[in-house]
Amino acid sequence: MNRLLPALLLFPLFAVAAESSPGGEELVDGMEDTLWGDSNHGRFTMRIETEYWTRELDLEAWMDRPEKTLIRIHAPKKEAGIGSLRIKDAMWNYLPKVDRTIKIPPSMMLQPWMGSNFSNDDLVKESSFVNDYSHEITGSEEQDGVTVYLVRSTPKPDAPVVWSRLEFKIRDDHIPVAVTYFGERDQSVKEMTYSAIETMGGRRIPTRWTMVDSDDAKSRTVIEIESIEFNVPLEEELFTLRRLRNPQ
């Protein structure tokens, strides 16, 4: 009995530690909620950088999760008015210069959006990290006094995704640090890093998102959040082809 006593005394401590450790799905779900909320509306700057040129877009975006997203370009002038609309698994682009609405087929969802390192799917969020993947914590590390968990995410059976796996780094307060995307040959395709944590819309979020292709480190796209509000009411009419063509 005396030998059992120390173990019995320590058991509650182990139980508390187990209860306080988050699960992989909890971390990814918390990360998506931190970044997007149930709905959001914001203004963003997208800077596309290559070895030879740099291009900048002024964007406005609305998202009503999980099914609807609208993105519109306000500048530069030659691209102002271009928009992208997603409703469930359907996506359209509107080109004001030719007054044409183009439906994007599923096979094109991984194509670059406006020549950036972000794909159509990255921007309009057709796929859901939480719903389409299974998540496992593979380790943790300390960064600047904060615990950062390593989460490996693999596709669920029949999930409509193309990545063989994702590897996340997520802080214990659900703020993301990075995510690496792996292709069908299990090679790293691109990586997103998150930085410049600030308080916006009543929550602390990373305000700079940088996407870099693994095979070309000199090509990158940086999104900077200028302003954002979360969990705002959005009219159904906003997410229609009519409003995509005519924002007024």
C-alpha atoms as a PDB file:
ATOM      1  CA  MET A   1       0.000   0.000   0.000  1.00  0.00           C
ATOM      2  CA  ASN A   2       2.837   2.398   0.822  1.00  0.00           C
ATOM      3  CA  ARG A   3       4.337   1.841  -2.649  1.00  0.00           C
ATOM      4  CA  LEU A   4       1.022   2.657  -4.282  1.00  0.00           C
ATOM      5  CA  LEU A   5       0.551   5.897  -2.386  1.00  0.00           C
ATOM      6  CA  PRO A   6       2.933   8.102  -4.469  1.00  0.00           C
ATOM      7  CA  ALA A   7       1.359   6.841  -7.700  1.00  0.00           C
ATOM      8  CA  LEU A   8      -2.136   7.529  -6.382  1.00  0.00           C
ATOM      9  CA  LEU A   9      -1.121  11.027  -5.367  1.00  0.00           C
ATOM     10  CA  LEU A  10       0.338  11.751  -8.791  1.00  0.00           C
ATOM     11  CA  PHE A  11      -2.619  10.366 -10.754  1.00  0.00           C
ATOM     12  CA  PRO A  12      -4.746  13.532 -10.459  1.00  0.00           C
ATOM     13  CA  LEU A  13      -1.844  15.566 -11.849  1.00  0.00           C
ATOM     14  CA  PHE A  14      -1.585  13.323 -14.889  1.00  0.00           C
ATOM     15  CA  ALA A  15      -5.351  13.498 -15.373  1.00  0.00           C
ATOM     16  CA  VAL A  16      -5.330  17.316 -15.291  1.00  0.00           C
ATOM     17  CA  ALA A  17      -2.458  17.435 -17.796  1.00  0.00           C
ATOM     18  CA  ALA A  18      -4.300  15.086 -20.144  1.00  0.00           C
ATOM     19  CA  GLU A  19      -7.489  17.123 -19.909  1.00  0.00           C
ATOM     20  CA  SER A  20      -5.654  20.392 -20.573  1.00  0.00           C
ATOM     21  CA  SER A  21      -3.819  19.159 -23.698  1.00  0.00           C
ATOM     22  CA  PRO A  22      -5.777  20.114 -26.828  1.00  0.00           C
ATOM     23  CA  GLY A  23      -6.578  17.649 -29.590  1.00  0.00           C
ATOM     24  CA  GLY A  24      -5.518  18.116 -33.197  1.00  0.00           C
ATOM     25  CA  GLU A  25      -9.039  18.801 -34.434  1.00  0.00           C
ATOM     26  CA  GLU A  26      -9.627  21.272 -31.608  1.00  0.00           C
ATOM     27  CA  LEU A  27      -6.502  23.211 -32.590  1.00  0.00           C
ATOM     28  CA  VAL A  28      -7.376  23.357 -36.286  1.00  0.00           C
ATOM     29  CA  ASP A  29     -11.007  24.251 -35.571  1.00  0.00           C
ATOM     30  CA  GLY A  30      -9.871  26.988 -33.182  1.00  0.00           C
ATOM     31  CA  MET A  31      -7.417  28.285 -35.777  1.00  0.00           C
ATOM     32  CA  GLU A  32     -10.110  28.548 -38.471  1.00  0.00           C
ATOM     33  CA  ASP A  33     -12.447  30.300 -36.048  1.00  0.00           C
ATOM     34  CA  THR A  34      -9.673  32.732 -35.060  1.00  0.00           C
ATOM     35  CA  LEU A  35      -8.933  33.604 -38.686  1.00  0.00           C
ATOM     36  CA  TRP A  36     -12.475  33.712 -40.037  1.00  0.00           C
ATOM     37  CA  GLY A  37     -15.177  33.612 -37.346  1.00  0.00           C
ATOM     38  CA  ASP A  38     -18.676  32.630 -38.484  1.00  0.00           C
ATOM     39  CA  SER A  39     -18.604  35.534 -40.932  1.00  0.00           C
ATOM     40  CA  ASN A  40     -16.267  38.403 -41.728  1.00  0.00           C
ATOM     41  CA  HIS A  41     -15.744  41.494 -43.874  1.00  0.00           C
ATOM     42  CA  GLY A  42     -12.343  43.053 -44.455  1.00  0.00           C
ATOM     43  CA  ARG A  43      -9.963  45.073 -46.604  1.00  0.00           C
ATOM     44  CA  PHE A  44      -6.662  43.537 -47.651  1.00  0.00           C
ATOM     45  CA  THR A  45      -3.541  44.314 -49.645  1.00  0.00           C
ATOM     46  CA  MET A  46      -2.130  41.509 -51.790  1.00  0.00           C
ATOM     47  CA  ARG A  47       1.462  41.968 -52.952  1.00  0.00           C
ATOM     48  CA  ILE A  48       2.732  39.503 -55.558  1.00  0.00           C
ATOM     49  CA  GLU A  49       6.530  39.410 -55.667  1.00  0.00           C
ATOM     50  CA  THR A  50       8.721  37.667 -58.246  1.00  0.00           C
ATOM     51  CA  GLU A  51      12.402  37.911 -59.102  1.00  0.00           C
ATOM     52  CA  TYR A  52      11.637  40.463 -61.835  1.00  0.00           C
ATOM     53  CA  TRP A  53       8.515  42.404 -60.815  1.00  0.00           C
ATOM     54  CA  THR A  54       6.110  43.253 -58.005  1.00  0.00           C
ATOM     55  CA  ARG A  55       2.387  43.847 -58.296  1.00  0.00           C
ATOM     56  CA  GLU A  56      -0.086  45.016 -55.645  1.00  0.00           C
ATOM     57  CA  LEU A  57      -3.856  44.593 -55.421  1.00  0.00           C
ATOM     58  CA  ASP A  58      -6.334  46.294 -53.095  1.00  0.00           C
ATOM     59  CA  LEU A  59      -9.002  43.746 -52.107  1.00  0.00           C
ATOM     60  CA  GLU A  60     -12.296  43.680 -50.230  1.00  0.00           C
ATOM     61  CA  ALA A  61     -13.735  40.361 -49.089  1.00  0.00           C
ATOM     62  CA  TRP A  62     -16.854  38.999 -47.426  1.00  0.00           C
ATOM     63  CA  MET A  63     -17.207  35.467 -46.056  1.00  0.00           C
ATOM     64  CA  ASP A  64     -20.259  33.715 -44.639  1.00  0.00           C
ATOM     65  CA  ARG A  65     -18.859  30.393 -43.467  1.00  0.00           C
ATOM     66  CA  PRO A  66     -18.878  27.706 -44.495  1.00  0.00           C
ATOM     67  CA  GLU A  67     -20.578  28.144 -47.864  1.00  0.00           C
ATOM     68  CA  LYS A  68     -20.134  31.662 -49.294  1.00  0.00           C
ATOM     69  CA  THR A  69     -17.260  33.980 -50.192  1.00  0.00           C
ATOM     70  CA  LEU A  70     -17.049  37.146 -52.285  1.00  0.00           C
ATOM     71  CA  ILE A  71     -13.788  38.903 -53.192  1.00  0.00           C
ATOM     72  CA  ARG A  72     -13.530  42.129 -55.182  1.00  0.00           C
ATOM     73  CA  ILE A  73     -10.506  44.033 -56.505  1.00  0.00           C
ATOM     74  CA  HIS A  74     -10.619  47.832 -56.043  1.00  0.00           C
ATOM     75  CA  ALA A  75      -7.156  48.743 -57.369  1.00  0.00           C
ATOM     76  CA  PRO A  76      -5.132  49.076 -59.543  1.00  0.00           C
ATOM     77  CA  LYS A  77      -7.496  50.773 -61.964  1.00  0.00           C
ATOM     78  CA  LYS A  78      -6.977  48.318 -64.827  1.00  0.00           C
ATOM     79  CA  GLU A  79      -8.170  45.436 -62.626  1.00  0.00           C
ATOM     80  CA  ALA A  80     -10.753  47.277 -60.518  1.00  0.00           C
ATOM     81  CA  GLY A  81     -14.117  45.529 -60.436  1.00  0.00           C
ATOM     82  CA  ILE A  82     -12.822  42.005 -61.013  1.00  0.00           C
ATOM     83  CA  GLY A  83     -14.557  39.703 -58.569  1.00  0.00           C
ATOM     84  CA  SER A  84     -14.718  36.089 -57.415  1.00  0.00           C
ATOM     85  CA  LEU A  85     -17.794  34.466 -55.907  1.00  0.00           C
ATOM     86  CA  ARG A  86     -18.128  31.051 -54.255  1.00  0.00           C
ATOM     87  CA  ILE A  87     -21.411  29.447 -53.297  1.00  0.00           C
ATOM     88  CA  LYS A  88     -20.846  25.975 -51.813  1.00  0.00           C
ATOM     89  CA  ASP A  89     -18.662  24.104 -54.343  1.00  0.00           C
ATOM     90  CA  ALA A  90     -19.330  26.460 -57.288  1.00  0.00           C
ATOM     91  CA  MET A  91     -17.103  29.433 -58.153  1.00  0.00           C
ATOM     92  CA  TRP A  92     -17.379  32.277 -60.664  1.00  0.00           C
ATOM     93  CA  ASN A  93     -15.037  35.078 -61.755  1.00  0.00           C
ATOM     94  CA  TYR A  94     -16.363  38.342 -63.174  1.00  0.00           C
ATOM     95  CA  LEU A  95     -14.301  40.340 -65.706  1.00  0.00           C
ATOM     96  CA  PRO A  96     -15.757  43.871 -66.033  1.00  0.00           C
ATOM     97  CA  LYS A  97     -13.717  44.873 -69.111  1.00  0.00           C
ATOM     98  CA  VAL A  98     -15.532  42.299 -71.218  1.00  0.00           C
ATOM     99  CA  ASP A  99     -18.592  42.158 -68.932  1.00  0.00           C
ATOM    100  CA  ARG A 100     -18.276  38.397 -68.677  1.00  0.00           C
ATOM    101  CA  THR A 101     -18.917  35.946 -65.835  1.00  0.00           C
ATOM    102  CA  ILE A 102     -16.878  32.736 -66.019  1.00  0.00           C
ATOM    103  CA  LYS A 103     -17.659  29.617 -64.018  1.00  0.00           C
ATOM    104  CA  ILE A 104     -14.516  27.976 -62.660  1.00  0.00           C
ATOM    105  CA  PRO A 105     -14.533  24.154 -62.993  1.00  0.00           C
ATOM    106  CA  PRO A 106     -13.368  22.031 -60.030  1.00  0.00           C
ATOM    107  CA  SER A 107     -10.218  21.111 -61.957  1.00  0.00           C
ATOM    108  CA  MET A 108      -9.172  24.789 -61.879  1.00  0.00           C
ATOM    109  CA  MET A 109      -9.543  25.359 -58.131  1.00  0.00           C
ATOM    110  CA  LEU A 110      -5.802  24.879 -57.598  1.00  0.00           C
ATOM    111  CA  GLN A 111      -4.848  27.344 -60.329  1.00  0.00           C
ATOM    112  CA  PRO A 112      -3.265  30.646 -59.186  1.00  0.00           C
ATOM    113  CA  TRP A 113      -5.697  33.428 -58.321  1.00  0.00           C
ATOM    114  CA  MET A 114      -4.761  36.571 -60.302  1.00  0.00           C
ATOM    115  CA  GLY A 115      -1.246  35.266 -60.864  1.00  0.00           C
ATOM    116  CA  SER A 116      -0.511  34.976 -57.145  1.00  0.00           C
ATOM    117  CA  ASN A 117       0.900  32.096 -55.096  1.00  0.00           C
ATOM    118  CA  PHE A 118      -2.604  31.597 -53.665  1.00  0.00           C
ATOM    119  CA  SER A 119      -4.909  29.217 -55.498  1.00  0.00           C
ATOM    120  CA  ASN A 120      -8.600  29.807 -56.137  1.00  0.00           C
ATOM    121  CA  ASP A 121      -9.323  27.397 -53.293  1.00  0.00           C
ATOM    122  CA  ASP A 122      -6.969  29.217 -50.903  1.00  0.00           C
ATOM    123  CA  LEU A 123      -8.818  32.492 -51.432  1.00  0.00           C
ATOM    124  CA  VAL A 124     -12.453  31.398 -51.457  1.00  0.00           C
ATOM    125  CA  LYS A 125     -11.981  28.484 -49.027  1.00  0.00           C
ATOM    126  CA  GLU A 126     -13.979  25.808 -50.833  1.00  0.00           C
ATOM    127  CA  SER A 127     -12.368  23.053 -48.781  1.00  0.00           C
ATOM    128  CA  SER A 128     -12.499  22.959 -44.982  1.00  0.00           C
ATOM    129  CA  PHE A 129      -9.468  21.923 -42.981  1.00  0.00           C
ATOM    130  CA  VAL A 130     -11.660  20.668 -40.125  1.00  0.00           C
ATOM    131  CA  ASN A 131     -14.265  18.801 -42.168  1.00  0.00           C
ATOM    132  CA  ASP A 132     -12.045  17.329 -44.881  1.00  0.00           C
ATOM    133  CA  TYR A 133      -9.038  16.159 -42.862  1.00  0.00           C
ATOM    134  CA  SER A 134      -8.203  14.058 -39.801  1.00  0.00           C
ATOM    135  CA  HIS A 135      -5.786  15.743 -37.404  1.00  0.00           C
ATOM    136  CA  GLU A 136      -3.038  14.336 -35.200  1.00  0.00           C
ATOM    137  CA  ILE A 137      -0.647  16.193 -32.892  1.00  0.00           C
ATOM    138  CA  THR A 138       2.882  15.017 -33.678  1.00  0.00           C
ATOM    139  CA  GLY A 139       4.833  17.206 -31.278  1.00  0.00           C
ATOM    140  CA  SER A 140       5.195  20.617 -29.681  1.00  0.00           C
ATOM    141  CA  GLU A 141       7.815  23.291 -29.147  1.00  0.00           C
ATOM    142  CA  GLU A 142       8.234  26.532 -27.263  1.00  0.00           C
ATOM    143  CA  GLN A 143       8.496  29.773 -29.222  1.00  0.00           C
ATOM    144  CA  ASP A 144       8.828  33.081 -27.383  1.00  0.00           C
ATOM    145  CA  GLY A 145       7.239  31.593 -24.283  1.00  0.00           C
ATOM    146  CA  VAL A 146       4.261  30.160 -26.183  1.00  0.00           C
ATOM    147  CA  THR A 147       3.566  26.481 -26.848  1.00  0.00           C
ATOM    148  CA  VAL A 148       3.343  25.718 -30.564  1.00  0.00           C
ATOM    149  CA  TYR A 149       1.800  22.384 -31.549  1.00  0.00           C
ATOM    150  CA  LEU A 150       2.723  20.441 -34.665  1.00  0.00           C
ATOM    151  CA  VAL A 151      -0.381  18.970 -36.297  1.00  0.00           C
ATOM    152  CA  ARG A 152      -0.398  16.530 -39.199  1.00  0.00           C
ATOM    153  CA  SER A 153      -3.636  16.516 -41.199  1.00  0.00           C
ATOM    154  CA  THR A 154      -4.502  13.736 -43.651  1.00  0.00           C
ATOM    155  CA  PRO A 155      -7.536  13.640 -45.978  1.00  0.00           C
ATOM    156  CA  LYS A 156     -10.629  11.791 -44.874  1.00  0.00           C
ATOM    157  CA  PRO A 157     -11.877   9.064 -47.248  1.00  0.00           C
ATOM    158  CA  ASP A 158     -13.622  10.575 -50.301  1.00  0.00           C
ATOM    159  CA  ALA A 159     -12.883  14.152 -49.165  1.00  0.00           C
ATOM    160  CA  PRO A 160     -12.775  16.527 -52.188  1.00  0.00           C
ATOM    161  CA  VAL A 161      -9.161  17.620 -51.620  1.00  0.00           C
ATOM    162  CA  VAL A 162      -5.917  17.294 -53.564  1.00  0.00           C
ATOM    163  CA  TRP A 163      -3.271  17.609 -50.848  1.00  0.00           C
ATOM    164  CA  SER A 164      -1.797  14.332 -49.609  1.00  0.00           C
ATOM    165  CA  ARG A 165      -1.346  15.968 -46.214  1.00  0.00           C
ATOM    166  CA  LEU A 166      -0.965  19.275 -44.417  1.00  0.00           C
ATOM    167  CA  GLU A 167       1.399  20.115 -41.584  1.00  0.00           C
ATOM    168  CA  PHE A 168       0.343  22.923 -39.257  1.00  0.00           C
ATOM    169  CA  LYS A 169       2.125  24.849 -36.561  1.00  0.00           C
ATOM    170  CA  ILE A 170      -0.535  26.302 -34.243  1.00  0.00           C
ATOM    171  CA  ARG A 171      -0.036  28.187 -30.995  1.00  0.00           C
ATOM    172  CA  ASP A 172      -1.921  27.112 -27.888  1.00  0.00           C
ATOM    173  CA  ASP A 173      -4.098  30.242 -28.256  1.00  0.00           C
ATOM    174  CA  HIS A 174      -5.142  28.975 -31.739  1.00  0.00           C
ATOM    175  CA  ILE A 175      -3.096  31.564 -33.642  1.00  0.00           C
ATOM    176  CA  PRO A 176      -1.443  29.838 -36.634  1.00  0.00           C
ATOM    177  CA  VAL A 177       2.307  30.047 -37.219  1.00  0.00           C
ATOM    178  CA  ALA A 178       2.629  28.119 -40.489  1.00  0.00           C
ATOM    179  CA  VAL A 179       1.084  25.472 -42.721  1.00  0.00           C
ATOM    180  CA  THR A 180       2.908  23.351 -45.302  1.00  0.00           C
ATOM    181  CA  TYR A 181       1.026  21.771 -48.219  1.00  0.00           C
ATOM    182  CA  PHE A 182       2.146  18.398 -49.586  1.00  0.00           C
ATOM    183  CA  GLY A 183       1.374  17.039 -53.068  1.00  0.00           C
ATOM    184  CA  GLU A 184       0.409  13.574 -54.212  1.00  0.00           C
ATOM    185  CA  ARG A 185       4.063  12.435 -54.213  1.00  0.00           C
ATOM    186  CA  ASP A 186       4.294  13.591 -50.594  1.00  0.00           C
ATOM    187  CA  GLN A 187       6.570  16.481 -51.560  1.00  0.00           C
ATOM    188  CA  SER A 188       6.278  19.970 -50.106  1.00  0.00           C
ATOM    189  CA  VAL A 189       4.483  22.197 -52.647  1.00  0.00           C
ATOM    190  CA  LYS A 190       4.160  25.498 -50.764  1.00  0.00           C
ATOM    191  CA  GLU A 191       4.167  26.995 -47.299  1.00  0.00           C
ATOM    192  CA  MET A 192       2.146  29.743 -45.664  1.00  0.00           C
ATOM    193  CA  THR A 193       3.617  31.622 -42.727  1.00  0.00           C
ATOM    194  CA  TYR A 194       1.686  33.963 -40.438  1.00  0.00           C
ATOM    195  CA  SER A 195       3.194  36.969 -38.670  1.00  0.00           C
ATOM    196  CA  ALA A 196       2.577  40.524 -37.386  1.00  0.00           C
ATOM    197  CA  ILE A 197       0.073  39.582 -34.662  1.00  0.00           C
ATOM    198  CA  GLU A 198      -2.203  42.505 -33.829  1.00  0.00           C
ATOM    199  CA  THR A 199      -5.642  43.106 -32.334  1.00  0.00           C
ATOM    200  CA  MET A 200      -8.233  43.616 -35.077  1.00  0.00           C
ATOM    201  CA  GLY A 201     -11.959  43.148 -34.971  1.00  0.00           C
ATOM    202  CA  GLY A 202     -11.789  42.485 -31.237  1.00  0.00           C
ATOM    203  CA  ARG A 203      -9.362  39.543 -31.459  1.00  0.00           C
ATOM    204  CA  ARG A 204      -5.655  38.915 -31.820  1.00  0.00           C
ATOM    205  CA  ILE A 205      -4.823  37.646 -35.291  1.00  0.00           C
ATOM    206  CA  PRO A 206      -1.804  37.427 -37.602  1.00  0.00           C
ATOM    207  CA  THR A 207      -2.156  40.335 -40.036  1.00  0.00           C
ATOM    208  CA  ARG A 208       0.515  39.273 -42.530  1.00  0.00           C
ATOM    209  CA  TRP A 209       0.188  36.008 -44.462  1.00  0.00           C
ATOM    210  CA  THR A 210       3.026  34.955 -46.754  1.00  0.00           C
ATOM    211  CA  MET A 211       2.709  32.129 -49.289  1.00  0.00           C
ATOM    212  CA  VAL A 212       5.894  30.786 -50.890  1.00  0.00           C
ATOM    213  CA  ASP A 213       6.225  28.001 -53.457  1.00  0.00           C
ATOM    214  CA  SER A 214       8.680  25.305 -52.361  1.00  0.00           C
ATOM    215  CA  ASP A 215      10.409  25.168 -55.766  1.00  0.00           C
ATOM    216  CA  ASP A 216      10.842  28.948 -56.134  1.00  0.00           C
ATOM    217  CA  ALA A 217      11.701  30.868 -52.973  1.00  0.00           C
ATOM    218  CA  LYS A 218      12.001  34.121 -54.972  1.00  0.00           C
ATOM    219  CA  SER A 219       8.290  34.013 -55.828  1.00  0.00           C
ATOM    220  CA  ARG A 220       5.927  34.881 -53.001  1.00  0.00           C
ATOM    221  CA  THR A 221       2.615  36.522 -52.258  1.00  0.00           C
ATOM    222  CA  VAL A 222       2.005  38.561 -49.123  1.00  0.00           C
ATOM    223  CA  ILE A 223      -1.484  39.404 -47.866  1.00  0.00           C
ATOM    224  CA  GLU A 224      -1.717  42.162 -45.293  1.00  0.00           C
ATOM    225  CA  ILE A 225      -4.984  42.751 -43.439  1.00  0.00           C
ATOM    226  CA  GLU A 226      -5.798  46.459 -43.359  1.00  0.00           C
ATOM    227  CA  SER A 227      -9.088  46.098 -41.452  1.00  0.00           C
ATOM    228  CA  ILE A 228     -11.516  43.306 -40.581  1.00  0.00           C
ATOM    229  CA  GLU A 229     -14.694  42.716 -38.590  1.00  0.00           C
ATOM    230  CA  PHE A 230     -15.956  39.328 -37.470  1.00  0.00           C
ATOM    231  CA  ASN A 231     -19.348  37.693 -36.938  1.00  0.00           C
ATOM    232  CA  VAL A 232     -21.156  40.444 -38.831  1.00  0.00           C
ATOM    233  CA  PRO A 233     -24.589  40.038 -40.471  1.00  0.00           C
ATOM    234  CA  LEU A 234     -24.240  39.707 -44.256  1.00  0.00           C
ATOM    235  CA  GLU A 235     -27.182  39.991 -46.645  1.00  0.00           C
ATOM    236  CA  GLU A 236     -28.036  36.975 -48.798  1.00  0.00           C
ATOM    237  CA  GLU A 237     -28.194  39.286 -51.821  1.00  0.00           C
ATOM    238  CA  LEU A 238     -24.474  39.983 -51.447  1.00  0.00           C
ATOM    239  CA  PHE A 239     -23.594  36.456 -52.552  1.00  0.00           C
ATOM    240  CA  THR A 240     -25.361  36.441 -55.925  1.00  0.00           C
ATOM    241  CA  LEU A 241     -24.235  36.616 -59.549  1.00  0.00           C
ATOM    242  CA  ARG A 242     -26.108  39.887 -59.903  1.00  0.00           C
ATOM    243  CA  ARG A 243     -24.078  41.520 -57.149  1.00  0.00           C
ATOM    244  CA  LEU A 244     -20.898  39.941 -58.511  1.00  0.00           C
ATOM    245  CA  ARG A 245     -21.494  41.796 -61.792  1.00  0.00           C
ATOM    246  CA  ASN A 246     -22.897  44.944 -60.188  1.00  0.00           C
ATOM    247  CA  PRO A 247     -21.542  45.818 -56.731  1.00  0.00           C
ATOM    248  CA  GLN A 248     -23.950  48.748 -56.279  1.00  0.00           C
END
